Protein backbone atom coordinates (compact mmCIF):
# COMPACT_ATOMS: atom_id res chain seq x y z
CA MET A 1 -68.66 24.00 -35.42
CA ALA A 2 -66.12 26.81 -35.67
CA ASN A 3 -65.81 29.17 -38.63
CA GLU A 4 -62.81 31.07 -39.93
CA ASP A 5 -63.86 34.26 -38.07
CA ASP A 6 -63.89 32.51 -34.72
CA PRO A 7 -60.99 33.71 -32.57
CA THR A 8 -58.54 31.08 -31.35
CA VAL A 9 -56.84 30.50 -28.03
CA PRO A 10 -53.67 28.57 -27.30
CA VAL A 11 -54.16 25.20 -25.62
CA VAL A 12 -51.13 23.51 -24.07
CA CYS A 13 -50.54 19.95 -22.93
CA PRO A 14 -47.29 19.59 -20.96
CA GLU A 15 -47.45 15.75 -20.96
CA CYS A 16 -47.84 15.60 -24.74
CA ASP A 17 -45.46 18.59 -25.19
CA THR A 18 -47.93 20.22 -27.58
CA GLU A 19 -49.53 23.62 -28.12
CA SER A 20 -52.47 24.15 -30.47
CA GLN A 21 -54.59 27.07 -31.54
CA VAL A 22 -58.23 26.09 -30.89
CA PRO A 23 -61.33 28.08 -31.91
CA LEU A 24 -62.82 29.75 -28.87
CA SER A 25 -66.22 28.28 -29.59
CA SER A 26 -64.96 24.72 -29.21
CA VAL A 27 -62.10 25.07 -26.72
CA GLY A 28 -63.95 23.48 -23.77
CA GLU A 29 -65.02 20.45 -25.80
CA THR A 30 -61.59 20.11 -27.41
CA VAL A 31 -59.70 20.22 -24.10
CA GLU A 32 -62.13 17.82 -22.44
CA SER A 33 -61.95 15.39 -25.33
CA HIS A 34 -58.13 15.50 -25.38
CA ASN A 35 -57.91 14.84 -21.65
CA GLU A 36 -60.48 12.00 -21.84
CA ARG A 37 -58.72 10.29 -24.73
CA LEU A 38 -55.13 10.70 -23.73
CA HIS A 39 -55.04 11.26 -19.96
CA ASP A 40 -57.91 9.15 -18.56
CA GLY A 41 -59.90 12.31 -17.86
CA GLU A 42 -57.17 13.95 -15.75
CA GLU A 43 -57.08 17.72 -16.38
CA VAL A 44 -53.66 17.93 -18.11
CA ALA A 45 -54.31 19.94 -21.28
CA GLU A 46 -55.58 23.47 -20.64
CA ILE A 47 -55.86 26.98 -22.05
CA ASP A 48 -52.44 28.56 -21.89
CA PRO A 49 -52.27 29.62 -18.21
CA ALA A 50 -51.06 33.15 -19.08
CA ILE A 51 -54.10 33.67 -21.31
CA ALA A 52 -56.49 32.20 -18.74
CA GLU A 53 -55.05 34.48 -16.04
CA ARG A 54 -55.44 37.53 -18.25
CA VAL A 55 -59.08 36.65 -19.02
CA GLN A 56 -59.74 36.18 -15.25
CA ASP A 57 -58.22 39.63 -14.57
CA LEU A 58 -60.40 41.27 -17.28
CA VAL A 59 -63.54 39.62 -15.93
CA ALA A 60 -62.70 40.63 -12.36
CA ALA A 61 -62.11 44.19 -13.50
CA ASP A 62 -65.42 44.22 -15.40
CA LEU A 63 -67.21 43.02 -12.28
CA GLY A 64 -65.52 45.66 -10.16
CA LEU A 65 -63.75 43.09 -8.01
CA LEU A 66 -60.34 44.74 -8.35
CA ASP A 67 -61.41 48.33 -7.52
CA ASP A 68 -57.98 49.87 -8.09
CA ALA A 69 -56.27 47.13 -6.02
CA GLY A 70 -53.07 46.26 -7.88
CA ASP A 71 -54.23 48.00 -11.05
CA SER A 72 -50.82 48.23 -12.74
CA GLN A 73 -51.97 48.64 -16.32
């Protein structure tokens, strides 16, 4: 269960035309549950793609996978 100090991430569902702020600790379960209940398990709702891409970039940088390639920050 999430507490008030838990950071949130935006979750979007283009088919439902919704965006919600979901606690990070429960985002996986929340997205999966939404998709199961409303979209027959199809992966429609997701973490906002811009946020997901940024997290992927940060992880890749931490792992040294980018090694100055395209480092435009």
